[in-house]
Amino acid sequence: GKTATNAVKECSGVILLEDNLDGIELCIK
């Protein structure tokens, strides 16, 4: 979310609000 460009945000299905990848692991579990 914080470092992504607008083009990447438009093409992606999920946008993380923070650039912390630990949240993805917790969501998958």
mmCIF file of all heavy atoms, coordinates in Angstrom:
data_MODEL
# 
_entry.id   MODEL 
# 
loop_
_atom_site.group_PDB 
_atom_site.id 
_atom_site.type_symbol 
_atom_site.label_atom_id 
_atom_site.label_alt_id 
_atom_site.label_comp_id 
_atom_site.label_asym_id 
_atom_site.label_entity_id 
_atom_site.label_seq_id 
_atom_site.pdbx_PDB_ins_code 
_atom_site.Cartn_x 
_atom_site.Cartn_y 
_atom_site.Cartn_z 
_atom_site.occupancy 
_atom_site.B_iso_or_equiv 
_atom_site.pdbx_formal_charge 
_atom_site.auth_seq_id 
_atom_site.auth_comp_id 
_atom_site.auth_asym_id 
_atom_site.auth_atom_id 
_atom_site.pdbx_PDB_model_num 
ATOM 1   N N   . GLY A 1 1  ? 0.772  -1.239  0.000   1.00 0.00 ? 1  GLY A N   1 
ATOM 2   C CA  . GLY A 1 1  ? 0.000  0.000   0.000   1.00 0.00 ? 1  GLY A CA  1 
ATOM 3   C C   . GLY A 1 1  ? 0.796  1.277   0.000   1.00 0.00 ? 1  GLY A C   1 
ATOM 4   O O   . GLY A 1 1  ? 0.501  2.206   -0.739  1.00 0.00 ? 1  GLY A O   1 
ATOM 5   N N   . LYS A 1 2  ? 1.811  1.392   0.825   1.00 0.00 ? 2  LYS A N   1 
ATOM 6   C CA  . LYS A 1 2  ? 2.531  2.658   0.961   1.00 0.00 ? 2  LYS A CA  1 
ATOM 7   C C   . LYS A 1 2  ? 3.513  2.907   -0.174  1.00 0.00 ? 2  LYS A C   1 
ATOM 8   O O   . LYS A 1 2  ? 3.681  4.031   -0.624  1.00 0.00 ? 2  LYS A O   1 
ATOM 9   C CB  . LYS A 1 2  ? 3.274  2.695   2.291   1.00 0.00 ? 2  LYS A CB  1 
ATOM 10  C CG  . LYS A 1 2  ? 2.346  2.726   3.478   1.00 0.00 ? 2  LYS A CG  1 
ATOM 11  C CD  . LYS A 1 2  ? 3.115  2.791   4.768   1.00 0.00 ? 2  LYS A CD  1 
ATOM 12  C CE  . LYS A 1 2  ? 2.170  2.812   5.947   1.00 0.00 ? 2  LYS A CE  1 
ATOM 13  N NZ  . LYS A 1 2  ? 2.881  2.832   7.215   1.00 0.00 ? 2  LYS A NZ  1 
ATOM 14  N N   . THR A 1 3  ? 4.171  1.868   -0.658  1.00 0.00 ? 3  THR A N   1 
ATOM 15  C CA  . THR A 1 3  ? 5.217  2.055   -1.655  1.00 0.00 ? 3  THR A CA  1 
ATOM 16  C C   . THR A 1 3  ? 4.773  1.733   -3.076  1.00 0.00 ? 3  THR A C   1 
ATOM 17  O O   . THR A 1 3  ? 5.521  1.966   -4.015  1.00 0.00 ? 3  THR A O   1 
ATOM 18  C CB  . THR A 1 3  ? 6.442  1.185   -1.315  1.00 0.00 ? 3  THR A CB  1 
ATOM 19  O OG1 . THR A 1 3  ? 6.045  -0.181  -1.274  1.00 0.00 ? 3  THR A OG1 1 
ATOM 20  C CG2 . THR A 1 3  ? 7.039  1.589   0.016   1.00 0.00 ? 3  THR A CG2 1 
ATOM 21  N N   . ALA A 1 4  ? 3.569  1.212   -3.260  1.00 0.00 ? 4  ALA A N   1 
ATOM 22  C CA  . ALA A 1 4  ? 3.116  0.802   -4.588  1.00 0.00 ? 4  ALA A CA  1 
ATOM 23  C C   . ALA A 1 4  ? 2.690  2.007   -5.417  1.00 0.00 ? 4  ALA A C   1 
ATOM 24  O O   . ALA A 1 4  ? 2.196  2.998   -4.894  1.00 0.00 ? 4  ALA A O   1 
ATOM 25  C CB  . ALA A 1 4  ? 1.958  -0.176  -4.476  1.00 0.00 ? 4  ALA A CB  1 
ATOM 26  N N   . THR A 1 5  ? 2.881  1.884   -6.723  1.00 0.00 ? 5  THR A N   1 
ATOM 27  C CA  . THR A 1 5  ? 2.432  2.925   -7.638  1.00 0.00 ? 5  THR A CA  1 
ATOM 28  C C   . THR A 1 5  ? 0.938  2.738   -7.927  1.00 0.00 ? 5  THR A C   1 
ATOM 29  O O   . THR A 1 5  ? 0.358  1.693   -7.626  1.00 0.00 ? 5  THR A O   1 
ATOM 30  C CB  . THR A 1 5  ? 3.224  2.869   -8.949  1.00 0.00 ? 5  THR A CB  1 
ATOM 31  O OG1 . THR A 1 5  ? 3.014  1.591   -9.555  1.00 0.00 ? 5  THR A OG1 1 
ATOM 32  C CG2 . THR A 1 5  ? 4.700  3.084   -8.705  1.00 0.00 ? 5  THR A CG2 1 
ATOM 33  N N   . ASN A 1 6  ? 0.325  3.745   -8.515  1.00 0.00 ? 6  ASN A N   1 
ATOM 34  C CA  . ASN A 1 6  ? -1.106 3.669   -8.819  1.00 0.00 ? 6  ASN A CA  1 
ATOM 35  C C   . ASN A 1 6  ? -1.421 2.582   -9.835  1.00 0.00 ? 6  ASN A C   1 
ATOM 36  O O   . ASN A 1 6  ? -2.469 1.943   -9.764  1.00 0.00 ? 6  ASN A O   1 
ATOM 37  C CB  . ASN A 1 6  ? -1.613 5.019   -9.330  1.00 0.00 ? 6  ASN A CB  1 
ATOM 38  C CG  . ASN A 1 6  ? -1.683 6.041   -8.222  1.00 0.00 ? 6  ASN A CG  1 
ATOM 39  O OD1 . ASN A 1 6  ? -1.832 5.686   -7.061  1.00 0.00 ? 6  ASN A OD1 1 
ATOM 40  N ND2 . ASN A 1 6  ? -1.569 7.302   -8.588  1.00 0.00 ? 6  ASN A ND2 1 
ATOM 41  N N   . ALA A 1 7  ? -0.536 2.339   -10.787 1.00 0.00 ? 7  ALA A N   1 
ATOM 42  C CA  . ALA A 1 7  ? -0.761 1.298   -11.784 1.00 0.00 ? 7  ALA A CA  1 
ATOM 43  C C   . ALA A 1 7  ? -0.812 -0.078  -11.130 1.00 0.00 ? 7  ALA A C   1 
ATOM 44  O O   . ALA A 1 7  ? -1.643 -0.912  -11.484 1.00 0.00 ? 7  ALA A O   1 
ATOM 45  C CB  . ALA A 1 7  ? 0.340  1.333   -12.835 1.00 0.00 ? 7  ALA A CB  1 
ATOM 46  N N   . VAL A 1 8  ? 0.053  -0.315  -10.172 1.00 0.00 ? 8  VAL A N   1 
ATOM 47  C CA  . VAL A 1 8  ? 0.077  -1.603  -9.481  1.00 0.00 ? 8  VAL A CA  1 
ATOM 48  C C   . VAL A 1 8  ? -1.177 -1.762  -8.632  1.00 0.00 ? 8  VAL A C   1 
ATOM 49  O O   . VAL A 1 8  ? -1.782 -2.832  -8.572  1.00 0.00 ? 8  VAL A O   1 
ATOM 50  C CB  . VAL A 1 8  ? 1.352  -1.724  -8.614  1.00 0.00 ? 8  VAL A CB  1 
ATOM 51  C CG1 . VAL A 1 8  ? 1.297  -2.926  -7.715  1.00 0.00 ? 8  VAL A CG1 1 
ATOM 52  C CG2 . VAL A 1 8  ? 2.566  -1.796  -9.503  1.00 0.00 ? 8  VAL A CG2 1 
ATOM 53  N N   . LYS A 1 9  ? -1.615 -0.690  -7.971  1.00 0.00 ? 9  LYS A N   1 
ATOM 54  C CA  . LYS A 1 9  ? -2.811 -0.759  -7.141  1.00 0.00 ? 9  LYS A CA  1 
ATOM 55  C C   . LYS A 1 9  ? -4.053 -1.065  -7.973  1.00 0.00 ? 9  LYS A C   1 
ATOM 56  O O   . LYS A 1 9  ? -4.943 -1.771  -7.531  1.00 0.00 ? 9  LYS A O   1 
ATOM 57  C CB  . LYS A 1 9  ? -3.000 0.548   -6.376  1.00 0.00 ? 9  LYS A CB  1 
ATOM 58  C CG  . LYS A 1 9  ? -1.984 0.742   -5.270  1.00 0.00 ? 9  LYS A CG  1 
ATOM 59  C CD  . LYS A 1 9  ? -2.204 2.056   -4.545  1.00 0.00 ? 9  LYS A CD  1 
ATOM 60  C CE  . LYS A 1 9  ? -1.156 2.278   -3.486  1.00 0.00 ? 9  LYS A CE  1 
ATOM 61  N NZ  . LYS A 1 9  ? -1.327 3.568   -2.793  1.00 0.00 ? 9  LYS A NZ  1 
ATOM 62  N N   . GLU A 1 10 ? -4.115 -0.538  -9.193  1.00 0.00 ? 10 GLU A N   1 
ATOM 63  C CA  . GLU A 1 10 ? -5.258 -0.800  -10.065 1.00 0.00 ? 10 GLU A CA  1 
ATOM 64  C C   . GLU A 1 10 ? -5.277 -2.239  -10.560 1.00 0.00 ? 10 GLU A C   1 
ATOM 65  O O   . GLU A 1 10 ? -6.338 -2.815  -10.752 1.00 0.00 ? 10 GLU A O   1 
ATOM 66  C CB  . GLU A 1 10 ? -5.243 0.155   -11.252 1.00 0.00 ? 10 GLU A CB  1 
ATOM 67  C CG  . GLU A 1 10 ? -5.548 1.585   -10.888 1.00 0.00 ? 10 GLU A CG  1 
ATOM 68  C CD  . GLU A 1 10 ? -5.418 2.520   -12.072 1.00 0.00 ? 10 GLU A CD  1 
ATOM 69  O OE1 . GLU A 1 10 ? -5.212 2.022   -13.203 1.00 0.00 ? 10 GLU A OE1 1 
ATOM 70  O OE2 . GLU A 1 10 ? -5.502 3.736   -11.865 1.00 0.00 ? 10 GLU A OE2 1 
ATOM 71  N N   . CYS A 1 11 ? -4.120 -2.842  -10.768 1.00 0.00 ? 11 CYS A N   1 
ATOM 72  C CA  . CYS A 1 11 ? -4.043 -4.194  -11.320 1.00 0.00 ? 11 CYS A CA  1 
ATOM 73  C C   . CYS A 1 11 ? -4.161 -5.280  -10.271 1.00 0.00 ? 11 CYS A C   1 
ATOM 74  O O   . CYS A 1 11 ? -4.431 -6.426  -10.605 1.00 0.00 ? 11 CYS A O   1 
ATOM 75  C CB  . CYS A 1 11 ? -2.721 -4.372  -12.070 1.00 0.00 ? 11 CYS A CB  1 
ATOM 76  S SG  . CYS A 1 11 ? -2.580 -3.351  -13.523 1.00 0.00 ? 11 CYS A SG  1 
ATOM 77  N N   . SER A 1 12 ? -3.965 -4.953  -9.021  1.00 0.00 ? 12 SER A N   1 
ATOM 78  C CA  . SER A 1 12 ? -3.966 -5.987  -7.981  1.00 0.00 ? 12 SER A CA  1 
ATOM 79  C C   . SER A 1 12 ? -5.354 -6.179  -7.399  1.00 0.00 ? 12 SER A C   1 
ATOM 80  O O   . SER A 1 12 ? -6.210 -5.303  -7.464  1.00 0.00 ? 12 SER A O   1 
ATOM 81  C CB  . SER A 1 12 ? -2.977 -5.617  -6.881  1.00 0.00 ? 12 SER A CB  1 
ATOM 82  O OG  . SER A 1 12 ? -3.397 -4.423  -6.258  1.00 0.00 ? 12 SER A OG  1 
ATOM 83  N N   . GLY A 1 13 ? -5.560 -7.353  -6.816  1.00 0.00 ? 13 GLY A N   1 
ATOM 84  C CA  . GLY A 1 13 ? -6.833 -7.674  -6.186  1.00 0.00 ? 13 GLY A CA  1 
ATOM 85  C C   . GLY A 1 13 ? -6.867 -7.301  -4.721  1.00 0.00 ? 13 GLY A C   1 
ATOM 86  O O   . GLY A 1 13 ? -7.921 -6.998  -4.165  1.00 0.00 ? 13 GLY A O   1 
ATOM 87  N N   . VAL A 1 14 ? -5.719 -7.301  -4.070  1.00 0.00 ? 14 VAL A N   1 
ATOM 88  C CA  . VAL A 1 14 ? -5.612 -6.990  -2.648  1.00 0.00 ? 14 VAL A CA  1 
ATOM 89  C C   . VAL A 1 14 ? -4.559 -5.909  -2.478  1.00 0.00 ? 14 VAL A C   1 
ATOM 90  O O   . VAL A 1 14 ? -3.467 -6.006  -3.024  1.00 0.00 ? 14 VAL A O   1 
ATOM 91  C CB  . VAL A 1 14 ? -5.210 -8.248  -1.839  1.00 0.00 ? 14 VAL A CB  1 
ATOM 92  C CG1 . VAL A 1 14 ? -5.036 -7.915  -0.379  1.00 0.00 ? 14 VAL A CG1 1 
ATOM 93  C CG2 . VAL A 1 14 ? -6.228 -9.351  -2.020  1.00 0.00 ? 14 VAL A CG2 1 
ATOM 94  N N   . ILE A 1 15 ? -4.881 -4.885  -1.699  1.00 0.00 ? 15 ILE A N   1 
ATOM 95  C CA  . ILE A 1 15 ? -3.929 -3.815  -1.398  1.00 0.00 ? 15 ILE A CA  1 
ATOM 96  C C   . ILE A 1 15 ? -3.706 -3.800  0.104   1.00 0.00 ? 15 ILE A C   1 
ATOM 97  O O   . ILE A 1 15 ? -4.649 -3.599  0.871   1.00 0.00 ? 15 ILE A O   1 
ATOM 98  C CB  . ILE A 1 15 ? -4.439 -2.442  -1.877  1.00 0.00 ? 15 ILE A CB  1 
ATOM 99  C CG1 . ILE A 1 15 ? -4.687 -2.464  -3.378  1.00 0.00 ? 15 ILE A CG1 1 
ATOM 100 C CG2 . ILE A 1 15 ? -3.448 -1.352  -1.510  1.00 0.00 ? 15 ILE A CG2 1 
ATOM 101 C CD1 . ILE A 1 15 ? -5.362 -1.218  -3.901  1.00 0.00 ? 15 ILE A CD1 1 
ATOM 102 N N   . LEU A 1 16 ? -2.465 -4.029  0.515   1.00 0.00 ? 16 LEU A N   1 
ATOM 103 C CA  . LEU A 1 16 ? -2.140 -3.987  1.935   1.00 0.00 ? 16 LEU A CA  1 
ATOM 104 C C   . LEU A 1 16 ? -2.022 -2.539  2.387   1.00 0.00 ? 16 LEU A C   1 
ATOM 105 O O   . LEU A 1 16 ? -1.413 -1.721  1.706   1.00 0.00 ? 16 LEU A O   1 
ATOM 106 C CB  . LEU A 1 16 ? -0.816 -4.700  2.195   1.00 0.00 ? 16 LEU A CB  1 
ATOM 107 C CG  . LEU A 1 16 ? -0.752 -6.178  1.854   1.00 0.00 ? 16 LEU A CG  1 
ATOM 108 C CD1 . LEU A 1 16 ? 0.649  -6.701  2.129   1.00 0.00 ? 16 LEU A CD1 1 
ATOM 109 C CD2 . LEU A 1 16 ? -1.763 -6.945  2.654   1.00 0.00 ? 16 LEU A CD2 1 
ATOM 110 N N   . LEU A 1 17 ? -2.611 -2.209  3.521   1.00 0.00 ? 17 LEU A N   1 
ATOM 111 C CA  . LEU A 1 17 ? -2.529 -0.841  4.019   1.00 0.00 ? 17 LEU A CA  1 
ATOM 112 C C   . LEU A 1 17 ? -1.139 -0.531  4.536   1.00 0.00 ? 17 LEU A C   1 
ATOM 113 O O   . LEU A 1 17 ? -0.648 0.578   4.400   1.00 0.00 ? 17 LEU A O   1 
ATOM 114 C CB  . LEU A 1 17 ? -3.562 -0.616  5.119   1.00 0.00 ? 17 LEU A CB  1 
ATOM 115 C CG  . LEU A 1 17 ? -5.020 -0.730  4.664   1.00 0.00 ? 17 LEU A CG  1 
ATOM 116 C CD1 . LEU A 1 17 ? -5.954 -0.549  5.851   1.00 0.00 ? 17 LEU A CD1 1 
ATOM 117 C CD2 . LEU A 1 17 ? -5.324 0.294   3.601   1.00 0.00 ? 17 LEU A CD2 1 
ATOM 118 N N   . GLU A 1 18 ? -0.500 -1.515  5.152   1.00 0.00 ? 18 GLU A N   1 
ATOM 119 C CA  . GLU A 1 18 ? 0.863  -1.356  5.634   1.00 0.00 ? 18 GLU A CA  1 
ATOM 120 C C   . GLU A 1 18 ? 1.766  -2.270  4.812   1.00 0.00 ? 18 GLU A C   1 
ATOM 121 O O   . GLU A 1 18 ? 1.313  -3.244  4.237   1.00 0.00 ? 18 GLU A O   1 
ATOM 122 C CB  . GLU A 1 18 ? 0.961  -1.726  7.102   1.00 0.00 ? 18 GLU A CB  1 
ATOM 123 C CG  . GLU A 1 18 ? 0.121  -0.841  8.004   1.00 0.00 ? 18 GLU A CG  1 
ATOM 124 C CD  . GLU A 1 18 ? 0.229  -1.236  9.455   1.00 0.00 ? 18 GLU A CD  1 
ATOM 125 O OE1 . GLU A 1 18 ? 1.032  -2.137  9.772   1.00 0.00 ? 18 GLU A OE1 1 
ATOM 126 O OE2 . GLU A 1 18 ? -0.489 -0.655  10.261  1.00 0.00 ? 18 GLU A OE2 1 
ATOM 127 N N   . ASP A 1 19 ? 3.029  -1.975  4.771   1.00 0.00 ? 19 ASP A N   1 
ATOM 128 C CA  . ASP A 1 19 ? 3.968  -2.808  4.014   1.00 0.00 ? 19 ASP A CA  1 
ATOM 129 C C   . ASP A 1 19 ? 4.514  -3.948  4.868   1.00 0.00 ? 19 ASP A C   1 
ATOM 130 O O   . ASP A 1 19 ? 5.638  -4.390  4.682   1.00 0.00 ? 19 ASP A O   1 
ATOM 131 C CB  . ASP A 1 19 ? 5.119  -1.951  3.489   1.00 0.00 ? 19 ASP A CB  1 
ATOM 132 C CG  . ASP A 1 19 ? 4.640  -0.998  2.414   1.00 0.00 ? 19 ASP A CG  1 
ATOM 133 O OD1 . ASP A 1 19 ? 3.505  -1.162  1.939   1.00 0.00 ? 19 ASP A OD1 1 
ATOM 134 O OD2 . ASP A 1 19 ? 5.398  -0.098  2.054   1.00 0.00 ? 19 ASP A OD2 1 
ATOM 135 N N   . ASN A 1 20 ? 3.727  -4.438  5.782   1.00 0.00 ? 20 ASN A N   1 
ATOM 136 C CA  . ASN A 1 20 ? 4.123  -5.528  6.667   1.00 0.00 ? 20 ASN A CA  1 
ATOM 137 C C   . ASN A 1 20 ? 3.572  -6.837  6.119   1.00 0.00 ? 20 ASN A C   1 
ATOM 138 O O   . ASN A 1 20 ? 2.363  -7.000  5.966   1.00 0.00 ? 20 ASN A O   1 
ATOM 139 C CB  . ASN A 1 20 ? 3.580  -5.265  8.071   1.00 0.00 ? 20 ASN A CB  1 
ATOM 140 C CG  . ASN A 1 20 ? 4.110  -6.233  9.081   1.00 0.00 ? 20 ASN A CG  1 
ATOM 141 O OD1 . ASN A 1 20 ? 4.868  -7.130  8.754   1.00 0.00 ? 20 ASN A OD1 1 
ATOM 142 N ND2 . ASN A 1 20 ? 3.712  -6.049  10.321  1.00 0.00 ? 20 ASN A ND2 1 
ATOM 143 N N   . LEU A 1 21 ? 4.449  -7.771  5.824   1.00 0.00 ? 21 LEU A N   1 
ATOM 144 C CA  . LEU A 1 21 ? 4.025  -9.041  5.229   1.00 0.00 ? 21 LEU A CA  1 
ATOM 145 C C   . LEU A 1 21 ? 3.588  -10.070 6.272   1.00 0.00 ? 21 LEU A C   1 
ATOM 146 O O   . LEU A 1 21 ? 3.096  -11.132 5.911   1.00 0.00 ? 21 LEU A O   1 
ATOM 147 C CB  . LEU A 1 21 ? 5.158  -9.606  4.375   1.00 0.00 ? 21 LEU A CB  1 
ATOM 148 C CG  . LEU A 1 21 ? 5.632  -8.689  3.252   1.00 0.00 ? 21 LEU A CG  1 
ATOM 149 C CD1 . LEU A 1 21 ? 6.768  -9.346  2.492   1.00 0.00 ? 21 LEU A CD1 1 
ATOM 150 C CD2 . LEU A 1 21 ? 4.503  -8.343  2.330   1.00 0.00 ? 21 LEU A CD2 1 
ATOM 151 N N   . ASP A 1 22 ? 3.752  -9.782  7.548   1.00 0.00 ? 22 ASP A N   1 
ATOM 152 C CA  . ASP A 1 22 ? 3.331  -10.720 8.588   1.00 0.00 ? 22 ASP A CA  1 
ATOM 153 C C   . ASP A 1 22 ? 1.814  -10.868 8.613   1.00 0.00 ? 22 ASP A C   1 
ATOM 154 O O   . ASP A 1 22 ? 1.293  -11.918 9.003   1.00 0.00 ? 22 ASP A O   1 
ATOM 155 C CB  . ASP A 1 22 ? 3.818  -10.258 9.962   1.00 0.00 ? 22 ASP A CB  1 
ATOM 156 C CG  . ASP A 1 22 ? 5.329  -10.281 10.073  1.00 0.00 ? 22 ASP A CG  1 
ATOM 157 O OD1 . ASP A 1 22 ? 5.962  -11.067 9.328   1.00 0.00 ? 22 ASP A OD1 1 
ATOM 158 O OD2 . ASP A 1 22 ? 5.876  -9.512  10.882  1.00 0.00 ? 22 ASP A OD2 1 
ATOM 159 N N   . GLY A 1 23 ? 1.090  -9.860  8.206   1.00 0.00 ? 23 GLY A N   1 
ATOM 160 C CA  . GLY A 1 23 ? -0.369 -9.924  8.186   1.00 0.00 ? 23 GLY A CA  1 
ATOM 161 C C   . GLY A 1 23 ? -0.890 -10.932 7.184   1.00 0.00 ? 23 GLY A C   1 
ATOM 162 O O   . GLY A 1 23 ? -1.936 -11.538 7.394   1.00 0.00 ? 23 GLY A O   1 
ATOM 163 N N   . ILE A 1 24 ? -0.170 -11.143 6.085   1.00 0.00 ? 24 ILE A N   1 
ATOM 164 C CA  . ILE A 1 24 ? -0.602 -12.108 5.066   1.00 0.00 ? 24 ILE A CA  1 
ATOM 165 C C   . ILE A 1 24 ? -0.584 -13.512 5.639   1.00 0.00 ? 24 ILE A C   1 
ATOM 166 O O   . ILE A 1 24 ? -1.515 -14.291 5.440   1.00 0.00 ? 24 ILE A O   1 
ATOM 167 C CB  . ILE A 1 24 ? 0.301  -12.015 3.820   1.00 0.00 ? 24 ILE A CB  1 
ATOM 168 C CG1 . ILE A 1 24 ? 0.139  -10.669 3.158   1.00 0.00 ? 24 ILE A CG1 1 
ATOM 169 C CG2 . ILE A 1 24 ? -0.008 -13.126 2.837   1.00 0.00 ? 24 ILE A CG2 1 
ATOM 170 C CD1 . ILE A 1 24 ? 1.083  -10.443 2.016   1.00 0.00 ? 24 ILE A CD1 1 
ATOM 171 N N   . GLU A 1 25 ? 0.471  -13.843 6.364   1.00 0.00 ? 25 GLU A N   1 
ATOM 172 C CA  . GLU A 1 25 ? 0.577  -15.174 6.958   1.00 0.00 ? 25 GLU A CA  1 
ATOM 173 C C   . GLU A 1 25 ? -0.568 -15.418 7.937   1.00 0.00 ? 25 GLU A C   1 
ATOM 174 O O   . GLU A 1 25 ? -1.180 -16.485 7.938   1.00 0.00 ? 25 GLU A O   1 
ATOM 175 C CB  . GLU A 1 25 ? 1.911  -15.317 7.676   1.00 0.00 ? 25 GLU A CB  1 
ATOM 176 C CG  . GLU A 1 25 ? 2.102  -16.663 8.332   1.00 0.00 ? 25 GLU A CG  1 
ATOM 177 C CD  . GLU A 1 25 ? 3.394  -16.739 9.118   1.00 0.00 ? 25 GLU A CD  1 
ATOM 178 O OE1 . GLU A 1 25 ? 4.147  -15.753 9.160   1.00 0.00 ? 25 GLU A OE1 1 
ATOM 179 O OE2 . GLU A 1 25 ? 3.630  -17.800 9.703   1.00 0.00 ? 25 GLU A OE2 1 
ATOM 180 N N   . LEU A 1 26 ? -0.887 -14.444 8.747   1.00 0.00 ? 26 LEU A N   1 
ATOM 181 C CA  . LEU A 1 26 ? -1.966 -14.578 9.712   1.00 0.00 ? 26 LEU A CA  1 
ATOM 182 C C   . LEU A 1 26 ? -3.310 -14.735 9.017   1.00 0.00 ? 26 LEU A C   1 
ATOM 183 O O   . LEU A 1 26 ? -4.134 -15.575 9.420   1.00 0.00 ? 26 LEU A O   1 
ATOM 184 C CB  . LEU A 1 26 ? -1.993 -13.366 10.649  1.00 0.00 ? 26 LEU A CB  1 
ATOM 185 C CG  . LEU A 1 26 ? -3.011 -13.386 11.763  1.00 0.00 ? 26 LEU A CG  1 
ATOM 186 C CD1 . LEU A 1 26 ? -2.714 -14.539 12.717  1.00 0.00 ? 26 LEU A CD1 1 
ATOM 187 C CD2 . LEU A 1 26 ? -2.993 -12.077 12.503  1.00 0.00 ? 26 LEU A CD2 1 
ATOM 188 N N   . CYS A 1 27 ? -3.538 -13.994 7.950   1.00 0.00 ? 27 CYS A N   1 
ATOM 189 C CA  . CYS A 1 27 ? -4.799 -14.102 7.205   1.00 0.00 ? 27 CYS A CA  1 
ATOM 190 C C   . CYS A 1 27 ? -4.960 -15.465 6.554   1.00 0.00 ? 27 CYS A C   1 
ATOM 191 O O   . CYS A 1 27 ? -6.062 -16.025 6.532   1.00 0.00 ? 27 CYS A O   1 
ATOM 192 C CB  . CYS A 1 27 ? -4.879 -13.017 6.146   1.00 0.00 ? 27 CYS A CB  1 
ATOM 193 S SG  . CYS A 1 27 ? -5.093 -11.373 6.811   1.00 0.00 ? 27 CYS A SG  1 
ATOM 194 N N   . ILE A 1 28 ? -3.877 -16.009 6.030   1.00 0.00 ? 28 ILE A N   1 
ATOM 195 C CA  . ILE A 1 28 ? -3.949 -17.337 5.406   1.00 0.00 ? 28 ILE A CA  1 
ATOM 196 C C   . ILE A 1 28 ? -4.279 -18.391 6.453   1.00 0.00 ? 28 ILE A C   1 
ATOM 197 O O   . ILE A 1 28 ? -5.116 -19.271 6.229   1.00 0.00 ? 28 ILE A O   1 
ATOM 198 C CB  . ILE A 1 28 ? -2.636 -17.656 4.675   1.00 0.00 ? 28 ILE A CB  1 
ATOM 199 C CG1 . ILE A 1 28 ? -2.503 -16.763 3.449   1.00 0.00 ? 28 ILE A CG1 1 
ATOM 200 C CG2 . ILE A 1 28 ? -2.563 -19.123 4.277   1.00 0.00 ? 28 ILE A CG2 1 
ATOM 201 C CD1 . ILE A 1 28 ? -1.159 -16.849 2.764   1.00 0.00 ? 28 ILE A CD1 1 
ATOM 202 N N   . LYS A 1 29 ? -3.662 -18.294 7.618   1.00 0.00 ? 29 LYS A N   1 
ATOM 203 C CA  . LYS A 1 29 ? -3.952 -19.260 8.687   1.00 0.00 ? 29 LYS A CA  1 
ATOM 204 C C   . LYS A 1 29 ? -5.406 -19.177 9.118   1.00 0.00 ? 29 LYS A C   1 
ATOM 205 O O   . LYS A 1 29 ? -6.074 -20.196 9.272   1.00 0.00 ? 29 LYS A O   1 
ATOM 206 C CB  . LYS A 1 29 ? -3.032 -19.014 9.874   1.00 0.00 ? 29 LYS A CB  1 
ATOM 207 C CG  . LYS A 1 29 ? -1.618 -19.441 9.653   1.00 0.00 ? 29 LYS A CG  1 
ATOM 208 C CD  . LYS A 1 29 ? -0.771 -19.177 10.883  1.00 0.00 ? 29 LYS A CD  1 
ATOM 209 C CE  . LYS A 1 29 ? 0.676  -19.554 10.663  1.00 0.00 ? 29 LYS A CE  1 
ATOM 210 N NZ  . LYS A 1 29 ? 1.498  -19.267 11.849  1.00 0.00 ? 29 LYS A NZ  1 
# 
